[in-house]
Amino acid sequence: MRKNIESETMKTGKTVLMATISAPALSVLTMGCDRTISETESEKVKRDGTVEKKEKRVSETPDGTIKKEEKKSTEKP
């Protein structure tokens, strides 16, 4: 009888653990990913050696909204 109780406790613990681990994975799978519509990168080197980088990205989310991202960075020598 004691073995049965320990076995049931182990099964319940494993079930709870598996549900906890798979919940975040399931939410990522159901959300989907953004679809990239356009992406551009440019790099400009000035006379003083400064490098300016620009990145632009337009993407569509799974719910249909358009998201625009722009990143600028400057690297000095």
PDB file of N, CA and C in Angstrom:
ATOM      1  N   MET A   1       0.821  -1.189   0.000  1.00  0.00           N
ATOM      2  CA  MET A   1       0.000   0.000   0.000  1.00  0.00           C
ATOM      3  C   MET A   1       0.868   1.258   0.000  1.00  0.00           C
ATOM      4  N   ARG A   2       1.938   1.249   0.744  1.00  0.00           N
ATOM      5  CA  ARG A   2       2.819   2.413   0.829  1.00  0.00           C
ATOM      6  C   ARG A   2       3.460   2.711  -0.529  1.00  0.00           C
ATOM      7  N   LYS A   3       3.813   1.679  -1.269  1.00  0.00           N
ATOM      8  CA  LYS A   3       4.412   1.859  -2.577  1.00  0.00           C
ATOM      9  C   LYS A   3       3.452   2.560  -3.540  1.00  0.00           C
ATOM     10  N   ASN A   4       2.183   2.239  -3.463  1.00  0.00           N
ATOM     11  CA  ASN A   4       1.178   2.868  -4.312  1.00  0.00           C
ATOM     12  C   ASN A   4       1.077   4.365  -4.055  1.00  0.00           C
ATOM     13  N   ILE A   5       1.103   4.764  -2.810  1.00  0.00           N
ATOM     14  CA  ILE A   5       0.997   6.181  -2.455  1.00  0.00           C
ATOM     15  C   ILE A   5       2.212   6.942  -2.970  1.00  0.00           C
ATOM     16  N   GLU A   6       3.415   6.378  -2.800  1.00  0.00           N
ATOM     17  CA  GLU A   6       4.627   7.023  -3.288  1.00  0.00           C
ATOM     18  C   GLU A   6       4.614   7.122  -4.809  1.00  0.00           C
ATOM     19  N   SER A   7       4.119   6.106  -5.468  1.00  0.00           N
ATOM     20  CA  SER A   7       4.049   6.102  -6.916  1.00  0.00           C
ATOM     21  C   SER A   7       3.100   7.187  -7.422  1.00  0.00           C
ATOM     22  N   GLU A   8       1.952   7.327  -6.787  1.00  0.00           N
ATOM     23  CA  GLU A   8       0.978   8.353  -7.175  1.00  0.00           C
ATOM     24  C   GLU A   8       1.537   9.754  -6.932  1.00  0.00           C
ATOM     25  N   THR A   9       2.266   9.942  -5.841  1.00  0.00           N
ATOM     26  CA  THR A   9       2.866  11.240  -5.542  1.00  0.00           C
ATOM     27  C   THR A   9       3.900  11.606  -6.596  1.00  0.00           C
ATOM     28  N   MET A  10       4.705  10.638  -7.020  1.00  0.00           N
ATOM     29  CA  MET A  10       5.711  10.876  -8.042  1.00  0.00           C
ATOM     30  C   MET A  10       5.057  11.239  -9.382  1.00  0.00           C
ATOM     31  N   LYS A  11       3.976  10.534  -9.726  1.00  0.00           N
ATOM     32  CA  LYS A  11       3.280  10.820 -10.978  1.00  0.00           C
ATOM     33  C   LYS A  11       2.686  12.230 -10.963  1.00  0.00           C
ATOM     34  N   THR A  12       2.116  12.615  -9.836  1.00  0.00           N
ATOM     35  CA  THR A  12       1.530  13.948  -9.707  1.00  0.00           C
ATOM     36  C   THR A  12       2.617  15.007  -9.812  1.00  0.00           C
ATOM     37  N   GLY A  13       3.745  14.784  -9.166  1.00  0.00           N
ATOM     38  CA  GLY A  13       4.857  15.734  -9.229  1.00  0.00           C
ATOM     39  C   GLY A  13       5.399  15.891 -10.636  1.00  0.00           C
ATOM     40  N   LYS A  14       5.522  14.788 -11.350  1.00  0.00           N
ATOM     41  CA  LYS A  14       6.007  14.839 -12.729  1.00  0.00           C
ATOM     42  C   LYS A  14       5.013  15.581 -13.621  1.00  0.00           C
ATOM     43  N   THR A  15       3.742  15.352 -13.402  1.00  0.00           N
ATOM     44  CA  THR A  15       2.711  16.011 -14.201  1.00  0.00           C
ATOM     45  C   THR A  15       2.758  17.523 -13.988  1.00  0.00           C
ATOM     46  N   VAL A  16       2.874  17.940 -12.746  1.00  0.00           N
ATOM     47  CA  VAL A  16       2.941  19.372 -12.438  1.00  0.00           C
ATOM     48  C   VAL A  16       4.199  19.983 -13.057  1.00  0.00           C
ATOM     49  N   LEU A  17       5.315  19.296 -12.957  1.00  0.00           N
ATOM     50  CA  LEU A  17       6.565  19.781 -13.529  1.00  0.00           C
ATOM     51  C   LEU A  17       6.462  19.928 -15.043  1.00  0.00           C
ATOM     52  N   MET A  18       5.916  18.949 -15.715  1.00  0.00           N
ATOM     53  CA  MET A  18       5.782  19.008 -17.169  1.00  0.00           C
ATOM     54  C   MET A  18       4.837  20.132 -17.600  1.00  0.00           C
ATOM     55  N   ALA A  19       3.772  20.344 -16.866  1.00  0.00           N
ATOM     56  CA  ALA A  19       2.837  21.425 -17.187  1.00  0.00           C
ATOM     57  C   ALA A  19       3.510  22.780 -17.002  1.00  0.00           C
ATOM     58  N   THR A  20       4.311  22.914 -15.964  1.00  0.00           N
ATOM     59  CA  THR A  20       5.010  24.166 -15.702  1.00  0.00           C
ATOM     60  C   THR A  20       6.041  24.459 -16.788  1.00  0.00           C
ATOM     61  N   ILE A  21       6.739  23.454 -17.234  1.00  0.00           N
ATOM     62  CA  ILE A  21       7.759  23.637 -18.265  1.00  0.00           C
ATOM     63  C   ILE A  21       7.127  23.928 -19.625  1.00  0.00           C
ATOM     64  N   SER A  22       6.046  23.278 -19.956  1.00  0.00           N
ATOM     65  CA  SER A  22       5.477  23.426 -21.295  1.00  0.00           C
ATOM     66  C   SER A  22       4.584  24.659 -21.445  1.00  0.00           C
ATOM     67  N   ALA A  23       4.146  25.291 -20.386  1.00  0.00           N
ATOM     68  CA  ALA A  23       3.292  26.475 -20.496  1.00  0.00           C
ATOM     69  C   ALA A  23       3.975  27.626 -21.243  1.00  0.00           C
ATOM     70  N   PRO A  24       5.212  28.017 -20.897  1.00  0.00           N
ATOM     71  CA  PRO A  24       5.852  29.103 -21.662  1.00  0.00           C
ATOM     72  C   PRO A  24       6.114  28.720 -23.118  1.00  0.00           C
ATOM     73  N   ALA A  25       6.479  27.487 -23.357  1.00  0.00           N
ATOM     74  CA  ALA A  25       6.742  27.049 -24.729  1.00  0.00           C
ATOM     75  C   ALA A  25       5.468  27.124 -25.564  1.00  0.00           C
ATOM     76  N   LEU A  26       4.360  26.749 -24.994  1.00  0.00           N
ATOM     77  CA  LEU A  26       3.087  26.788 -25.706  1.00  0.00           C
ATOM     78  C   LEU A  26       2.683  28.222 -26.025  1.00  0.00           C
ATOM     79  N   SER A  27       2.913  29.147 -25.106  1.00  0.00           N
ATOM     80  CA  SER A  27       2.545  30.539 -25.365  1.00  0.00           C
ATOM     81  C   SER A  27       3.380  31.128 -26.493  1.00  0.00           C
ATOM     82  N   VAL A  28       4.643  30.761 -26.585  1.00  0.00           N
ATOM     83  CA  VAL A  28       5.497  31.242 -27.677  1.00  0.00           C
ATOM     84  C   VAL A  28       5.005  30.685 -29.012  1.00  0.00           C
ATOM     85  N   LEU A  29       4.617  29.440 -29.045  1.00  0.00           N
ATOM     86  CA  LEU A  29       4.154  28.822 -30.282  1.00  0.00           C
ATOM     87  C   LEU A  29       2.834  29.409 -30.765  1.00  0.00           C
ATOM     88  N   THR A  30       1.948  29.749 -29.854  1.00  0.00           N
ATOM     89  CA  THR A  30       0.650  30.282 -30.256  1.00  0.00           C
ATOM     90  C   THR A  30       0.720  31.748 -30.635  1.00  0.00           C
ATOM     91  N   MET A  31       1.708  32.488 -30.107  1.00  0.00           N
ATOM     92  CA  MET A  31       1.831  33.905 -30.437  1.00  0.00           C
ATOM     93  C   MET A  31       2.330  34.105 -31.856  1.00  0.00           C
ATOM     94  N   GLY A  32       3.249  33.302 -32.283  1.00  0.00           N
ATOM     95  CA  GLY A  32       3.807  33.462 -33.614  1.00  0.00           C
ATOM     96  C   GLY A  32       4.940  34.462 -33.614  1.00  0.00           C
ATOM     97  N   CYS A  33       5.403  34.772 -34.796  1.00  0.00           N
ATOM     98  CA  CYS A  33       6.535  35.674 -34.938  1.00  0.00           C
ATOM     99  C   CYS A  33       6.142  36.847 -35.815  1.00  0.00           C
ATOM    100  N   ASP A  34       6.934  37.919 -35.711  1.00  0.00           N
ATOM    101  CA  ASP A  34       6.723  39.060 -36.586  1.00  0.00           C
ATOM    102  C   ASP A  34       7.202  38.701 -37.985  1.00  0.00           C
ATOM    103  N   ARG A  35       6.516  39.234 -38.977  1.00  0.00           N
ATOM    104  CA  ARG A  35       6.913  39.022 -40.377  1.00  0.00           C
ATOM    105  C   ARG A  35       7.600  40.289 -40.858  1.00  0.00           C
ATOM    106  N   THR A  36       8.849  40.170 -41.290  1.00  0.00           N
ATOM    107  CA  THR A  36       9.607  41.325 -41.741  1.00  0.00           C
ATOM    108  C   THR A  36       9.120  41.747 -43.121  1.00  0.00           C
ATOM    109  N   ILE A  37       8.737  43.019 -43.237  1.00  0.00           N
ATOM    110  CA  ILE A  37       8.280  43.570 -44.514  1.00  0.00           C
ATOM    111  C   ILE A  37       9.463  44.189 -45.250  1.00  0.00           C
ATOM    112  N   SER A  38      10.239  45.022 -44.539  1.00  0.00           N
ATOM    113  CA  SER A  38      11.435  45.602 -45.154  1.00  0.00           C
ATOM    114  C   SER A  38      12.506  45.810 -44.092  1.00  0.00           C
ATOM    115  N   GLU A  39      13.750  45.773 -44.560  1.00  0.00           N
ATOM    116  CA  GLU A  39      14.875  45.943 -43.650  1.00  0.00           C
ATOM    117  C   GLU A  39      16.020  46.593 -44.427  1.00  0.00           C
ATOM    118  N   THR A  40      16.540  47.708 -43.904  1.00  0.00           N
ATOM    119  CA  THR A  40      17.649  48.389 -44.552  1.00  0.00           C
ATOM    120  C   THR A  40      18.735  48.711 -43.533  1.00  0.00           C
ATOM    121  N   GLU A  41      19.969  48.679 -44.002  1.00  0.00           N
ATOM    122  CA  GLU A  41      21.115  49.040 -43.182  1.00  0.00           C
ATOM    123  C   GLU A  41      22.003  49.963 -44.001  1.00  0.00           C
ATOM    124  N   SER A  42      22.529  51.001 -43.355  1.00  0.00           N
ATOM    125  CA  SER A  42      23.472  51.878 -44.045  1.00  0.00           C
ATOM    126  C   SER A  42      24.610  52.230 -43.094  1.00  0.00           C
ATOM    127  N   GLU A  43      25.764  52.440 -43.694  1.00  0.00           N
ATOM    128  CA  GLU A  43      26.950  52.768 -42.915  1.00  0.00           C
ATOM    129  C   GLU A  43      27.682  53.892 -43.639  1.00  0.00           C
ATOM    130  N   LYS A  44      27.993  54.946 -42.895  1.00  0.00           N
ATOM    131  CA  LYS A  44      28.649  56.100 -43.489  1.00  0.00           C
ATOM    132  C   LYS A  44      29.901  56.421 -42.675  1.00  0.00           C
ATOM    133  N   VAL A  45      31.037  56.572 -43.360  1.00  0.00           N
ATOM    134  CA  VAL A  45      32.298  56.928 -42.703  1.00  0.00           C
ATOM    135  C   VAL A  45      32.609  58.378 -43.028  1.00  0.00           C
ATOM    136  N   LYS A  46      32.755  59.185 -41.992  1.00  0.00           N
ATOM    137  CA  LYS A  46      33.049  60.606 -42.185  1.00  0.00           C
ATOM    138  C   LYS A  46      34.559  60.823 -42.279  1.00  0.00           C
ATOM    139  N   ARG A  47      34.947  62.033 -42.606  1.00  0.00           N
ATOM    140  CA  ARG A  47      36.365  62.369 -42.777  1.00  0.00           C
ATOM    141  C   ARG A  47      37.191  62.138 -41.525  1.00  0.00           C
ATOM    142  N   ASP A  48      36.602  62.398 -40.375  1.00  0.00           N
ATOM    143  CA  ASP A  48      37.349  62.239 -39.119  1.00  0.00           C
ATOM    144  C   ASP A  48      37.408  60.788 -38.643  1.00  0.00           C
ATOM    145  N   GLY A  49      36.879  59.863 -39.416  1.00  0.00           N
ATOM    146  CA  GLY A  49      36.928  58.445 -39.078  1.00  0.00           C
ATOM    147  C   GLY A  49      35.711  57.944 -38.315  1.00  0.00           C
ATOM    148  N   THR A  50      34.779  58.834 -38.013  1.00  0.00           N
ATOM    149  CA  THR A  50      33.558  58.452 -37.314  1.00  0.00           C
ATOM    150  C   THR A  50      32.670  57.620 -38.236  1.00  0.00           C
ATOM    151  N   VAL A  51      32.150  56.519 -37.699  1.00  0.00           N
ATOM    152  CA  VAL A  51      31.285  55.633 -38.475  1.00  0.00           C
ATOM    153  C   VAL A  51      29.857  55.755 -37.939  1.00  0.00           C
ATOM    154  N   GLU A  52      28.944  56.119 -38.820  1.00  0.00           N
ATOM    155  CA  GLU A  52      27.526  56.201 -38.460  1.00  0.00           C
ATOM    156  C   GLU A  52      26.794  55.018 -39.085  1.00  0.00           C
ATOM    157  N   LYS A  53      26.073  54.288 -38.253  1.00  0.00           N
ATOM    158  CA  LYS A  53      25.295  53.144 -38.740  1.00  0.00           C
ATOM    159  C   LYS A  53      23.818  53.419 -38.496  1.00  0.00           C
ATOM    160  N   LYS A  54      23.003  53.095 -39.491  1.00  0.00           N
ATOM    161  CA  LYS A  54      21.551  53.233 -39.370  1.00  0.00           C
ATOM    162  C   LYS A  54      20.903  51.926 -39.805  1.00  0.00           C
ATOM    163  N   GLU A  55      19.948  51.483 -39.016  1.00  0.00           N
ATOM    164  CA  GLU A  55      19.177  50.281 -39.348  1.00  0.00           C
ATOM    165  C   GLU A  55      17.701  50.615 -39.244  1.00  0.00           C
ATOM    166  N   LYS A  56      16.950  50.241 -40.259  1.00  0.00           N
ATOM    167  CA  LYS A  56      15.502  50.439 -40.259  1.00  0.00           C
ATOM    168  C   LYS A  56      14.841  49.106 -40.549  1.00  0.00           C
ATOM    169  N   ARG A  57      13.786  48.830 -39.802  1.00  0.00           N
ATOM    170  CA  ARG A  57      13.068  47.573 -39.995  1.00  0.00           C
ATOM    171  C   ARG A  57      11.570  47.820 -39.838  1.00  0.00           C
ATOM    172  N   VAL A  58      10.809  47.321 -40.789  1.00  0.00           N
ATOM    173  CA  VAL A  58       9.356  47.387 -40.731  1.00  0.00           C
ATOM    174  C   VAL A  58       8.847  45.950 -40.698  1.00  0.00           C
ATOM    175  N   SER A  59       8.027  45.647 -39.691  1.00  0.00           N
ATOM    176  CA  SER A  59       7.505  44.287 -39.566  1.00  0.00           C
ATOM    177  C   SER A  59       6.025  44.319 -39.228  1.00  0.00           C
ATOM    178  N   GLU A  60       5.385  43.196 -39.491  1.00  0.00           N
ATOM    179  CA  GLU A  60       3.956  43.034 -39.202  1.00  0.00           C
ATOM    180  C   GLU A  60       3.797  41.984 -38.122  1.00  0.00           C
ATOM    181  N   THR A  61       3.081  42.330 -37.059  1.00  0.00           N
ATOM    182  CA  THR A  61       2.857  41.400 -35.961  1.00  0.00           C
ATOM    183  C   THR A  61       1.739  40.431 -36.336  1.00  0.00           C
ATOM    184  N   PRO A  62       1.602  39.329 -35.608  1.00  0.00           N
ATOM    185  CA  PRO A  62       0.554  38.350 -35.932  1.00  0.00           C
ATOM    186  C   PRO A  62      -0.868  38.928 -35.915  1.00  0.00           C
ATOM    187  N   ASP A  63      -1.088  39.996 -35.118  1.00  0.00           N
ATOM    188  CA  ASP A  63      -2.436  40.571 -35.084  1.00  0.00           C
ATOM    189  C   ASP A  63      -2.662  41.614 -36.183  1.00  0.00           C
ATOM    190  N   GLY A  64      -1.651  41.839 -37.058  1.00  0.00           N
ATOM    191  CA  GLY A  64      -1.827  42.707 -38.215  1.00  0.00           C
ATOM    192  C   GLY A  64      -1.298  44.119 -38.056  1.00  0.00           C
ATOM    193  N   THR A  65      -0.817  44.501 -36.888  1.00  0.00           N
ATOM    194  CA  THR A  65      -0.290  45.849 -36.717  1.00  0.00           C
ATOM    195  C   THR A  65       1.109  45.954 -37.312  1.00  0.00           C
ATOM    196  N   ILE A  66       1.434  47.151 -37.769  1.00  0.00           N
ATOM    197  CA  ILE A  66       2.735  47.413 -38.379  1.00  0.00           C
ATOM    198  C   ILE A  66       3.643  48.039 -37.312  1.00  0.00           C
ATOM    199  N   LYS A  67       4.859  47.511 -37.230  1.00  0.00           N
ATOM    200  CA  LYS A  67       5.822  47.994 -36.243  1.00  0.00           C
ATOM    201  C   LYS A  67       7.061  48.493 -36.971  1.00  0.00           C
ATOM    202  N   LYS A  68       7.469  49.747 -36.684  1.00  0.00           N
ATOM    203  CA  LYS A  68       8.652  50.330 -37.305  1.00  0.00           C
ATOM    204  C   LYS A  68       9.727  50.519 -36.242  1.00  0.00           C
ATOM    205  N   GLU A  69      10.931  50.065 -36.560  1.00  0.00           N
ATOM    206  CA  GLU A  69      12.059  50.197 -35.644  1.00  0.00           C
ATOM    207  C   GLU A  69      13.194  50.895 -36.375  1.00  0.00           C
ATOM    208  N   GLU A  70      13.852  51.817 -35.684  1.00  0.00           N
ATOM    209  CA  GLU A  70      14.990  52.506 -36.264  1.00  0.00           C
ATOM    210  C   GLU A  70      16.083  52.586 -35.208  1.00  0.00           C
ATOM    211  N   LYS A  71      17.282  52.153 -35.582  1.00  0.00           N
ATOM    212  CA  LYS A  71      18.424  52.191 -34.678  1.00  0.00           C
ATOM    213  C   LYS A  71      19.538  53.000 -35.324  1.00  0.00           C
ATOM    214  N   LYS A  72      20.133  53.874 -34.526  1.00  0.00           N
ATOM    215  CA  LYS A  72      21.269  54.670 -34.999  1.00  0.00           C
ATOM    216  C   LYS A  72      22.400  54.511 -34.009  1.00  0.00           C
ATOM    217  N   SER A  73      23.599  54.372 -34.528  1.00  0.00           N
ATOM    218  CA  SER A  73      24.765  54.301 -33.657  1.00  0.00           C
ATOM    219  C   SER A  73      25.931  55.032 -34.297  1.00  0.00           C
ATOM    220  N   THR A  74      26.794  55.571 -33.445  1.00  0.00           N
ATOM    221  CA  THR A  74      27.971  56.286 -33.909  1.00  0.00           C
ATOM    222  C   THR A  74      29.185  55.727 -33.197  1.00  0.00           C
ATOM    223  N   GLU A  75      30.196  55.397 -33.981  1.00  0.00           N
ATOM    224  CA  GLU A  75      31.447  54.877 -33.418  1.00  0.00           C
ATOM    225  C   GLU A  75      32.559  55.846 -33.755  1.00  0.00           C
ATOM    226  N   LYS A  76      33.224  56.338 -32.727  1.00  0.00           N
ATOM    227  CA  LYS A  76      34.331  57.270 -32.938  1.00  0.00           C
ATOM    228  C   LYS A  76      35.649  56.507 -32.857  1.00  0.00           C
ATOM    229  N   PRO A  77      36.627  56.921 -33.685  1.00  0.00           N
ATOM    230  CA  PRO A  77      37.914  56.215 -33.697  1.00  0.00           C
ATOM    231  C   PRO A  77      38.726  56.442 -32.432  1.00  0.00           C
TER     232      PRO A  77
END
